[in-house]
Structure formats: C-alpha cells, structure tokens
Amino acid sequence: MSEKVFISYSHQDASCAHGIARYLTRHGCNVWIDTQNLSLGDQWASDIETALNEADIVVAILSSSSN
C-alpha cells in the first residue's frame, strides 16, 4: 500500500510544494495537497483534519514565507 503524505506549505511556496507533490506521486505516494484535494464548498477544516489524521507522513515546507 502506498504511503499517505500530507503536504503543508505557505502559498508563497506553492511552486516548491507542487514539485514535491509531483515527485512523491510519481514514486507511488498518495499525496494530499490543498489545491488538489479541496474544492469550493468543502468543509475545509474537517477535510484537512481528516487528511492529517490519516497521513502516514507530513511534509512541512518551512521558509521565510511560512513564518
């Protein structure tokens, strides 16, 4: 079974986050990233909480933008 990966990032770092997401997906991971998994009208807080609780791995992209 593939690892479930949650990616957390500042939107200023979206390019980096999406690059990591593509890499992990190509290597068999099931990646959760907001722009691909949340839609208008969704229950964002509960969807994010569920995704975090189900994740095997959390990738937090830390930069000066995320401070």
PDB file of N, CA and C in Angstrom:
ATOM      1  N   MET A   1       0.841  -1.170   0.000  1.00  0.00           N
ATOM      2  CA  MET A   1       0.000   0.000   0.000  1.00  0.00           C
ATOM      3  C   MET A   1       0.895   1.244   0.000  1.00  0.00           C
ATOM      4  N   SER A   2       0.453   2.283  -0.721  1.00  0.00           N
ATOM      5  CA  SER A   2       1.279   3.490  -0.816  1.00  0.00           C
ATOM      6  C   SER A   2       1.140   4.340   0.443  1.00  0.00           C
ATOM      7  N   GLU A   3       2.209   5.044   0.741  1.00  0.00           N
ATOM      8  CA  GLU A   3       2.230   5.947   1.895  1.00  0.00           C
ATOM      9  C   GLU A   3       1.292   7.129   1.625  1.00  0.00           C
ATOM     10  N   LYS A   4       0.553   7.550   2.645  1.00  0.00           N
ATOM     11  CA  LYS A   4      -0.285   8.740   2.547  1.00  0.00           C
ATOM     12  C   LYS A   4       0.527   9.918   3.073  1.00  0.00           C
ATOM     13  N   VAL A   5       0.717  10.916   2.200  1.00  0.00           N
ATOM     14  CA  VAL A   5       1.560  12.065   2.525  1.00  0.00           C
ATOM     15  C   VAL A   5       0.724  13.338   2.500  1.00  0.00           C
ATOM     16  N   PHE A   6       0.769  14.093   3.585  1.00  0.00           N
ATOM     17  CA  PHE A   6       0.095  15.388   3.693  1.00  0.00           C
ATOM     18  C   PHE A   6       1.163  16.462   3.525  1.00  0.00           C
ATOM     19  N   ILE A   7       0.933  17.418   2.625  1.00  0.00           N
ATOM     20  CA  ILE A   7       1.899  18.498   2.414  1.00  0.00           C
ATOM     21  C   ILE A   7       1.316  19.805   2.940  1.00  0.00           C
ATOM     22  N   SER A   8       2.061  20.436   3.852  1.00  0.00           N
ATOM     23  CA  SER A   8       1.689  21.717   4.432  1.00  0.00           C
ATOM     24  C   SER A   8       2.687  22.767   3.963  1.00  0.00           C
ATOM     25  N   TYR A   9       2.176  23.915   3.524  1.00  0.00           N
ATOM     26  CA  TYR A   9       3.072  24.935   2.966  1.00  0.00           C
ATOM     27  C   TYR A   9       2.392  26.292   2.951  1.00  0.00           C
ATOM     28  N   SER A  10       3.185  27.341   2.847  1.00  0.00           N
ATOM     29  CA  SER A  10       2.687  28.687   2.625  1.00  0.00           C
ATOM     30  C   SER A  10       2.417  28.827   1.123  1.00  0.00           C
ATOM     31  N   HIS A  11       1.373  29.529   0.770  1.00  0.00           N
ATOM     32  CA  HIS A  11       1.052  29.642  -0.658  1.00  0.00           C
ATOM     33  C   HIS A  11       2.137  30.373  -1.456  1.00  0.00           C
ATOM     34  N   GLN A  12       3.004  31.110  -0.778  1.00  0.00           N
ATOM     35  CA  GLN A  12       4.142  31.713  -1.478  1.00  0.00           C
ATOM     36  C   GLN A  12       5.136  30.631  -1.919  1.00  0.00           C
ATOM     37  N   ASP A  13       5.049  29.459  -1.316  1.00  0.00           N
ATOM     38  CA  ASP A  13       5.945  28.347  -1.645  1.00  0.00           C
ATOM     39  C   ASP A  13       5.229  27.275  -2.487  1.00  0.00           C
ATOM     40  N   ALA A  14       4.158  27.667  -3.163  1.00  0.00           N
ATOM     41  CA  ALA A  14       3.343  26.711  -3.921  1.00  0.00           C
ATOM     42  C   ALA A  14       4.143  25.969  -4.985  1.00  0.00           C
ATOM     43  N   SER A  15       5.023  26.646  -5.669  1.00  0.00           N
ATOM     44  CA  SER A  15       5.807  26.006  -6.721  1.00  0.00           C
ATOM     45  C   SER A  15       6.633  24.848  -6.151  1.00  0.00           C
ATOM     46  N   CYS A  16       7.279  25.096  -5.039  1.00  0.00           N
ATOM     47  CA  CYS A  16       8.079  24.069  -4.373  1.00  0.00           C
ATOM     48  C   CYS A  16       7.182  22.925  -3.905  1.00  0.00           C
ATOM     49  N   ALA A  17       6.057  23.250  -3.270  1.00  0.00           N
ATOM     50  CA  ALA A  17       5.138  22.236  -2.740  1.00  0.00           C
ATOM     51  C   ALA A  17       4.595  21.351  -3.854  1.00  0.00           C
ATOM     52  N   HIS A  18       4.233  21.956  -4.962  1.00  0.00           N
ATOM     53  CA  HIS A  18       3.678  21.178  -6.074  1.00  0.00           C
ATOM     54  C   HIS A  18       4.756  20.321  -6.744  1.00  0.00           C
ATOM     55  N   GLY A  19       5.973  20.809  -6.759  1.00  0.00           N
ATOM     56  CA  GLY A  19       7.076  19.990  -7.275  1.00  0.00           C
ATOM     57  C   GLY A  19       7.303  18.757  -6.413  1.00  0.00           C
ATOM     58  N   ILE A  20       7.271  18.940  -5.117  1.00  0.00           N
ATOM     59  CA  ILE A  20       7.423  17.812  -4.192  1.00  0.00           C
ATOM     60  C   ILE A  20       6.257  16.847  -4.358  1.00  0.00           C
ATOM     61  N   ALA A  21       5.045  17.387  -4.478  1.00  0.00           N
ATOM     62  CA  ALA A  21       3.859  16.543  -4.658  1.00  0.00           C
ATOM     63  C   ALA A  21       3.967  15.703  -5.927  1.00  0.00           C
ATOM     64  N   ARG A  22       4.403  16.315  -7.027  1.00  0.00           N
ATOM     65  CA  ARG A  22       4.562  15.561  -8.289  1.00  0.00           C
ATOM     66  C   ARG A  22       5.603  14.456  -8.133  1.00  0.00           C
ATOM     67  N   TYR A  23       6.720  14.776  -7.509  1.00  0.00           N
ATOM     68  CA  TYR A  23       7.786  13.791  -7.296  1.00  0.00           C
ATOM     69  C   TYR A  23       7.271  12.606  -6.476  1.00  0.00           C
ATOM     70  N   LEU A  24       6.618  12.906  -5.363  1.00  0.00           N
ATOM     71  CA  LEU A  24       6.120  11.835  -4.494  1.00  0.00           C
ATOM     72  C   LEU A  24       5.054  10.992  -5.188  1.00  0.00           C
ATOM     73  N   THR A  25       4.188  11.635  -5.943  1.00  0.00           N
ATOM     74  CA  THR A  25       3.151  10.908  -6.682  1.00  0.00           C
ATOM     75  C   THR A  25       3.774   9.969  -7.704  1.00  0.00           C
ATOM     76  N   ARG A  26       4.777  10.460  -8.432  1.00  0.00           N
ATOM     77  CA  ARG A  26       5.466   9.610  -9.424  1.00  0.00           C
ATOM     78  C   ARG A  26       6.119   8.406  -8.763  1.00  0.00           C
ATOM     79  N   HIS A  27       6.471   8.532  -7.496  1.00  0.00           N
ATOM     80  CA  HIS A  27       7.139   7.444  -6.788  1.00  0.00           C
ATOM     81  C   HIS A  27       6.167   6.636  -5.915  1.00  0.00           C
ATOM     82  N   GLY A  28       4.891   6.727  -6.239  1.00  0.00           N
ATOM     83  CA  GLY A  28       3.912   5.842  -5.636  1.00  0.00           C
ATOM     84  C   GLY A  28       3.222   6.302  -4.376  1.00  0.00           C
ATOM     85  N   CYS A  29       3.462   7.528  -3.951  1.00  0.00           N
ATOM     86  CA  CYS A  29       2.802   8.021  -2.736  1.00  0.00           C
ATOM     87  C   CYS A  29       1.417   8.569  -3.066  1.00  0.00           C
ATOM     88  N   ASN A  30       0.533   8.476  -2.112  1.00  0.00           N
ATOM     89  CA  ASN A  30      -0.800   9.057  -2.197  1.00  0.00           C
ATOM     90  C   ASN A  30      -0.705  10.421  -1.521  1.00  0.00           C
ATOM     91  N   VAL A  31      -0.605  11.484  -2.307  1.00  0.00           N
ATOM     92  CA  VAL A  31      -0.316  12.825  -1.785  1.00  0.00           C
ATOM     93  C   VAL A  31      -1.592  13.631  -1.601  1.00  0.00           C
ATOM     94  N   TRP A  32      -1.721  14.254  -0.420  1.00  0.00           N
ATOM     95  CA  TRP A  32      -2.807  15.194  -0.149  1.00  0.00           C
ATOM     96  C   TRP A  32      -2.192  16.586  -0.113  1.00  0.00           C
ATOM     97  N   ILE A  33      -2.679  17.447  -1.023  1.00  0.00           N
ATOM     98  CA  ILE A  33      -2.259  18.849  -1.058  1.00  0.00           C
ATOM     99  C   ILE A  33      -3.508  19.672  -1.334  1.00  0.00           C
ATOM    100  N   ASP A  34      -3.652  20.780  -0.650  1.00  0.00           N
ATOM    101  CA  ASP A  34      -4.913  21.518  -0.655  1.00  0.00           C
ATOM    102  C   ASP A  34      -5.464  21.828  -2.041  1.00  0.00           C
ATOM    103  N   THR A  35      -4.649  22.293  -2.949  1.00  0.00           N
ATOM    104  CA  THR A  35      -5.152  22.725  -4.253  1.00  0.00           C
ATOM    105  C   THR A  35      -5.701  21.576  -5.089  1.00  0.00           C
ATOM    106  N   GLN A  36      -5.335  20.361  -4.750  1.00  0.00           N
ATOM    107  CA  GLN A  36      -5.836  19.204  -5.489  1.00  0.00           C
ATOM    108  C   GLN A  36      -6.940  18.474  -4.730  1.00  0.00           C
ATOM    109  N   ASN A  37      -7.054  18.726  -3.438  1.00  0.00           N
ATOM    110  CA  ASN A  37      -7.988  17.949  -2.633  1.00  0.00           C
ATOM    111  C   ASN A  37      -9.099  18.757  -1.979  1.00  0.00           C
ATOM    112  N   LEU A  38      -9.072  20.060  -2.094  1.00  0.00           N
ATOM    113  CA  LEU A  38     -10.143  20.892  -1.538  1.00  0.00           C
ATOM    114  C   LEU A  38     -10.841  21.609  -2.683  1.00  0.00           C
ATOM    115  N   SER A  39     -12.155  21.723  -2.557  1.00  0.00           N
ATOM    116  CA  SER A  39     -12.953  22.435  -3.553  1.00  0.00           C
ATOM    117  C   SER A  39     -13.828  23.455  -2.847  1.00  0.00           C
ATOM    118  N   LEU A  40     -14.284  24.433  -3.597  1.00  0.00           N
ATOM    119  CA  LEU A  40     -15.205  25.417  -3.055  1.00  0.00           C
ATOM    120  C   LEU A  40     -16.414  24.696  -2.477  1.00  0.00           C
ATOM    121  N   GLY A  41     -16.821  25.085  -1.306  1.00  0.00           N
ATOM    122  CA  GLY A  41     -17.973  24.475  -0.673  1.00  0.00           C
ATOM    123  C   GLY A  41     -17.638  23.299   0.229  1.00  0.00           C
ATOM    124  N   ASP A  42     -16.413  22.806   0.165  1.00  0.00           N
ATOM    125  CA  ASP A  42     -15.996  21.706   1.044  1.00  0.00           C
ATOM    126  C   ASP A  42     -15.904  22.197   2.483  1.00  0.00           C
ATOM    127  N   GLN A  43     -15.950  21.266   3.407  1.00  0.00           N
ATOM    128  CA  GLN A  43     -15.742  21.558   4.822  1.00  0.00           C
ATOM    129  C   GLN A  43     -14.228  21.550   5.059  1.00  0.00           C
ATOM    130  N   TRP A  44     -13.570  22.652   4.735  1.00  0.00           N
ATOM    131  CA  TRP A  44     -12.110  22.695   4.717  1.00  0.00           C
ATOM    132  C   TRP A  44     -11.485  22.239   6.013  1.00  0.00           C
ATOM    133  N   ALA A  45     -11.933  22.764   7.134  1.00  0.00           N
ATOM    134  CA  ALA A  45     -11.301  22.426   8.417  1.00  0.00           C
ATOM    135  C   ALA A  45     -11.398  20.937   8.700  1.00  0.00           C
ATOM    136  N   SER A  46     -12.567  20.359   8.504  1.00  0.00           N
ATOM    137  CA  SER A  46     -12.703  18.926   8.805  1.00  0.00           C
ATOM    138  C   SER A  46     -11.986  18.073   7.767  1.00  0.00           C
ATOM    139  N   ASP A  47     -11.977  18.511   6.500  1.00  0.00           N
ATOM    140  CA  ASP A  47     -11.247  17.755   5.465  1.00  0.00           C
ATOM    141  C   ASP A  47      -9.747  17.753   5.744  1.00  0.00           C
ATOM    142  N   ILE A  48      -9.215  18.888   6.162  1.00  0.00           N
ATOM    143  CA  ILE A  48      -7.789  18.976   6.491  1.00  0.00           C
ATOM    144  C   ILE A  48      -7.477  18.129   7.720  1.00  0.00           C
ATOM    145  N   GLU A  49      -8.327  18.211   8.729  1.00  0.00           N
ATOM    146  CA  GLU A  49      -8.125  17.417   9.943  1.00  0.00           C
ATOM    147  C   GLU A  49      -8.143  15.916   9.624  1.00  0.00           C
ATOM    148  N   THR A  50      -9.086  15.500   8.807  1.00  0.00           N
ATOM    149  CA  THR A  50      -9.166  14.090   8.406  1.00  0.00           C
ATOM    150  C   THR A  50      -7.909  13.668   7.660  1.00  0.00           C
ATOM    151  N   ALA A  51      -7.485  14.496   6.710  1.00  0.00           N
ATOM    152  CA  ALA A  51      -6.285  14.166   5.931  1.00  0.00           C
ATOM    153  C   ALA A  51      -5.052  14.064   6.831  1.00  0.00           C
ATOM    154  N   LEU A  52      -4.928  14.973   7.791  1.00  0.00           N
ATOM    155  CA  LEU A  52      -3.801  14.919   8.729  1.00  0.00           C
ATOM    156  C   LEU A  52      -3.853  13.656   9.579  1.00  0.00           C
ATOM    157  N   ASN A  53      -5.029  13.316  10.064  1.00  0.00           N
ATOM    158  CA  ASN A  53      -5.173  12.118  10.898  1.00  0.00           C
ATOM    159  C   ASN A  53      -4.885  10.834  10.132  1.00  0.00           C
ATOM    160  N   GLU A  54      -5.169  10.825   8.831  1.00  0.00           N
ATOM    161  CA  GLU A  54      -4.957   9.634   8.015  1.00  0.00           C
ATOM    162  C   GLU A  54      -3.552   9.557   7.421  1.00  0.00           C
ATOM    163  N   ALA A  55      -2.796  10.641   7.496  1.00  0.00           N
ATOM    164  CA  ALA A  55      -1.469  10.685   6.876  1.00  0.00           C
ATOM    165  C   ALA A  55      -0.476   9.792   7.606  1.00  0.00           C
ATOM    166  N   ASP A  56       0.343   9.103   6.815  1.00  0.00           N
ATOM    167  CA  ASP A  56       1.468   8.355   7.363  1.00  0.00           C
ATOM    168  C   ASP A  56       2.659   9.286   7.568  1.00  0.00           C
ATOM    169  N   ILE A  57       2.741  10.293   6.689  1.00  0.00           N
ATOM    170  CA  ILE A  57       3.867  11.232   6.677  1.00  0.00           C
ATOM    171  C   ILE A  57       3.327  12.638   6.471  1.00  0.00           C
ATOM    172  N   VAL A  58       3.880  13.604   7.200  1.00  0.00           N
ATOM    173  CA  VAL A  58       3.550  15.013   6.991  1.00  0.00           C
ATOM    174  C   VAL A  58       4.815  15.711   6.523  1.00  0.00           C
ATOM    175  N   VAL A  59       4.723  16.378   5.386  1.00  0.00           N
ATOM    176  CA  VAL A  59       5.827  17.183   4.872  1.00  0.00           C
ATOM    177  C   VAL A  59       5.458  18.633   5.119  1.00  0.00           C
ATOM    178  N   ALA A  60       6.229  19.306   5.948  1.00  0.00           N
ATOM    179  CA  ALA A  60       6.014  20.722   6.232  1.00  0.00           C
ATOM    180  C   ALA A  60       7.122  21.509   5.545  1.00  0.00           C
ATOM    181  N   ILE A  61       6.730  22.363   4.620  1.00  0.00           N
ATOM    182  CA  ILE A  61       7.712  23.185   3.912  1.00  0.00           C
ATOM    183  C   ILE A  61       7.872  24.474   4.702  1.00  0.00           C
ATOM    184  N   LEU A  62       9.046  24.640   5.290  1.00  0.00           N
ATOM    185  CA  LEU A  62       9.325  25.807   6.118  1.00  0.00           C
ATOM    186  C   LEU A  62      10.235  26.768   5.377  1.00  0.00           C
ATOM    187  N   SER A  63       9.840  28.015   5.353  1.00  0.00           N
ATOM    188  CA  SER A  63      10.630  29.053   4.693  1.00  0.00           C
ATOM    189  C   SER A  63      10.329  30.374   5.380  1.00  0.00           C
ATOM    190  N   SER A  64      10.943  31.426   4.907  1.00  0.00           N
ATOM    191  CA  SER A  64      10.648  32.735   5.475  1.00  0.00           C
ATOM    192  C   SER A  64       9.193  33.119   5.215  1.00  0.00           C
ATOM    193  N   SER A  65       8.593  32.575   4.180  1.00  0.00           N
ATOM    194  CA  SER A  65       7.179  32.851   3.878  1.00  0.00           C
ATOM    195  C   SER A  65       6.247  32.169   4.853  1.00  0.00           C
ATOM    196  N   SER A  66       6.676  31.081   5.434  1.00  0.00           N
ATOM    197  CA  SER A  66       5.808  30.320   6.329  1.00  0.00           C
ATOM    198  C   SER A  66       5.872  30.794   7.771  1.00  0.00           C
ATOM    199  N   ASN A  67       6.777  31.697   8.058  1.00  0.00           N
ATOM    200  CA  ASN A  67       6.937  32.179   9.419  1.00  0.00           C
ATOM    201  C   ASN A  67       5.755  32.950   9.911  1.00  0.00           C
TER     202      ASN A  67
END
